[in-house]
Amino acid sequence: MGKILDAFSDEQLLVNAVTEKRSPAHQKYCEQVCAFHKELEETLNEEQAGLLQKLLDAVENEHNCDAQNRFIRGYSLGVLMATEVMEERDKFLIEEDCT
């Protein structure tokens, strides 16, 4: 079996974004989110902070569902493209003339 399939079957495939290195732009956005969250949290009372956390949890859950749907759709489209290419692979082979 291939290395990726082995890793996938053994649950050793690193698929979480946390395991990947962030680009400088992505890292900047993450730092901004943390700074804004901290700043906002410091200005809120306990009830408001709880509501903020509920909002953040709901946004994260929605984002995770959306990301999963985009991954599945993208993966499916990739497989369809690969299938189409494989169906037409004979176009790229030189036919030998046996006459």
Protein backbone atom coordinates (compact mmCIF):
# COMPACT_ATOMS: atom_id res chain seq x y z
CA MET A 1 0.00 0.00 0.00
CA GLY A 2 1.15 3.60 -0.54
CA LYS A 3 2.60 5.73 2.23
CA ILE A 4 -0.40 8.03 2.39
CA LEU A 5 -2.86 5.13 2.51
CA ASP A 6 -0.80 3.46 5.24
CA ALA A 7 -0.78 6.66 7.28
CA PHE A 8 -4.49 7.19 6.70
CA SER A 9 -5.39 3.64 7.72
CA ASP A 10 -3.21 3.88 10.86
CA GLU A 11 -4.70 7.28 11.77
CA GLN A 12 -1.23 8.81 11.45
CA LEU A 13 -2.13 11.23 8.67
CA LEU A 14 -1.84 14.80 9.91
CA VAL A 15 -4.97 16.49 8.62
CA ASN A 16 -5.58 19.23 11.18
CA ALA A 17 -4.56 22.73 10.20
CA VAL A 18 -2.96 23.07 13.64
CA THR A 19 -0.20 20.69 12.53
CA GLU A 20 0.68 22.81 9.51
CA LYS A 21 2.85 25.90 9.53
CA ARG A 22 0.85 29.08 9.06
CA SER A 23 1.71 31.63 6.42
CA PRO A 24 2.78 35.06 7.76
CA ALA A 25 -0.58 36.52 6.72
CA HIS A 26 -2.51 33.71 8.44
CA GLN A 27 -0.41 34.10 11.58
CA LYS A 28 -1.10 37.86 11.57
CA TYR A 29 -4.87 37.24 11.39
CA CYS A 30 -4.70 34.70 14.22
CA GLU A 31 -2.84 37.19 16.40
CA GLN A 32 -5.39 39.91 15.57
CA VAL A 33 -8.27 37.59 16.54
CA CYS A 34 -6.62 36.84 19.87
CA ALA A 35 -5.88 40.50 20.58
CA PHE A 36 -9.41 41.66 19.69
CA HIS A 37 -10.94 38.82 21.70
CA LYS A 38 -8.87 39.70 24.75
CA GLU A 39 -9.60 43.42 24.41
CA LEU A 40 -13.33 42.84 24.03
CA GLU A 41 -13.47 40.31 26.85
CA GLU A 42 -11.85 42.80 29.24
CA THR A 43 -14.61 45.34 28.59
CA LEU A 44 -17.52 42.95 29.11
CA ASN A 45 -19.27 41.95 32.30
CA GLU A 46 -19.65 38.27 33.16
CA GLU A 47 -23.00 37.86 31.40
CA GLN A 48 -21.77 39.59 28.25
CA ALA A 49 -18.55 37.57 28.26
CA GLY A 50 -20.62 34.37 28.46
CA LEU A 51 -22.73 35.52 25.53
CA LEU A 52 -19.57 36.34 23.56
CA GLN A 53 -18.23 32.84 24.23
CA LYS A 54 -21.51 31.28 23.08
CA LEU A 55 -21.32 33.35 19.90
CA LEU A 56 -17.70 32.32 19.27
CA ASP A 57 -18.56 28.66 19.85
CA ALA A 58 -21.50 28.85 17.44
CA VAL A 59 -19.36 30.60 14.79
CA GLU A 60 -16.65 27.95 15.19
CA ASN A 61 -19.17 25.11 14.87
CA GLU A 62 -20.67 26.69 11.76
CA HIS A 63 -17.19 27.22 10.30
CA ASN A 64 -16.25 23.59 10.98
CA CYS A 65 -19.40 22.33 9.23
CA ASP A 66 -18.73 24.61 6.27
CA ALA A 67 -15.06 23.56 6.10
CA GLN A 68 -16.04 19.88 6.18
CA ASN A 69 -18.56 20.39 3.38
CA ARG A 70 -16.01 22.29 1.27
CA PHE A 71 -13.41 19.57 1.84
CA ILE A 72 -15.81 16.79 0.84
CA ARG A 73 -16.96 18.69 -2.24
CA GLY A 74 -13.39 19.57 -3.27
CA TYR A 75 -12.18 16.02 -2.72
CA SER A 76 -15.10 14.65 -4.72
CA LEU A 77 -14.42 17.07 -7.57
CA GLY A 78 -10.75 16.07 -7.52
CA VAL A 79 -11.66 12.40 -7.78
CA LEU A 80 -14.03 13.17 -10.66
CA MET A 81 -11.23 15.04 -12.46
CA ALA A 82 -8.79 12.18 -11.87
CA THR A 83 -11.36 9.69 -13.16
CA GLU A 84 -11.90 11.76 -16.29
CA VAL A 85 -8.15 11.94 -16.91
CA MET A 86 -7.75 8.20 -16.38
CA GLU A 87 -10.59 7.47 -18.82
CA GLU A 88 -8.74 9.43 -21.51
CA ARG A 89 -5.21 8.28 -20.67
CA ASP A 90 -4.91 6.27 -23.91
CA LYS A 91 -4.85 9.55 -25.87
CA PHE A 92 -1.36 10.13 -24.54
CA LEU A 93 0.07 6.77 -25.61
CA ILE A 94 1.78 6.28 -28.94
CA GLU A 95 0.01 3.64 -30.96
CA GLU A 96 2.35 1.17 -32.57
CA ASP A 97 1.67 0.35 -36.20
CA CYS A 98 1.79 -3.44 -36.49
CA THR A 99 1.53 -3.56 -40.29
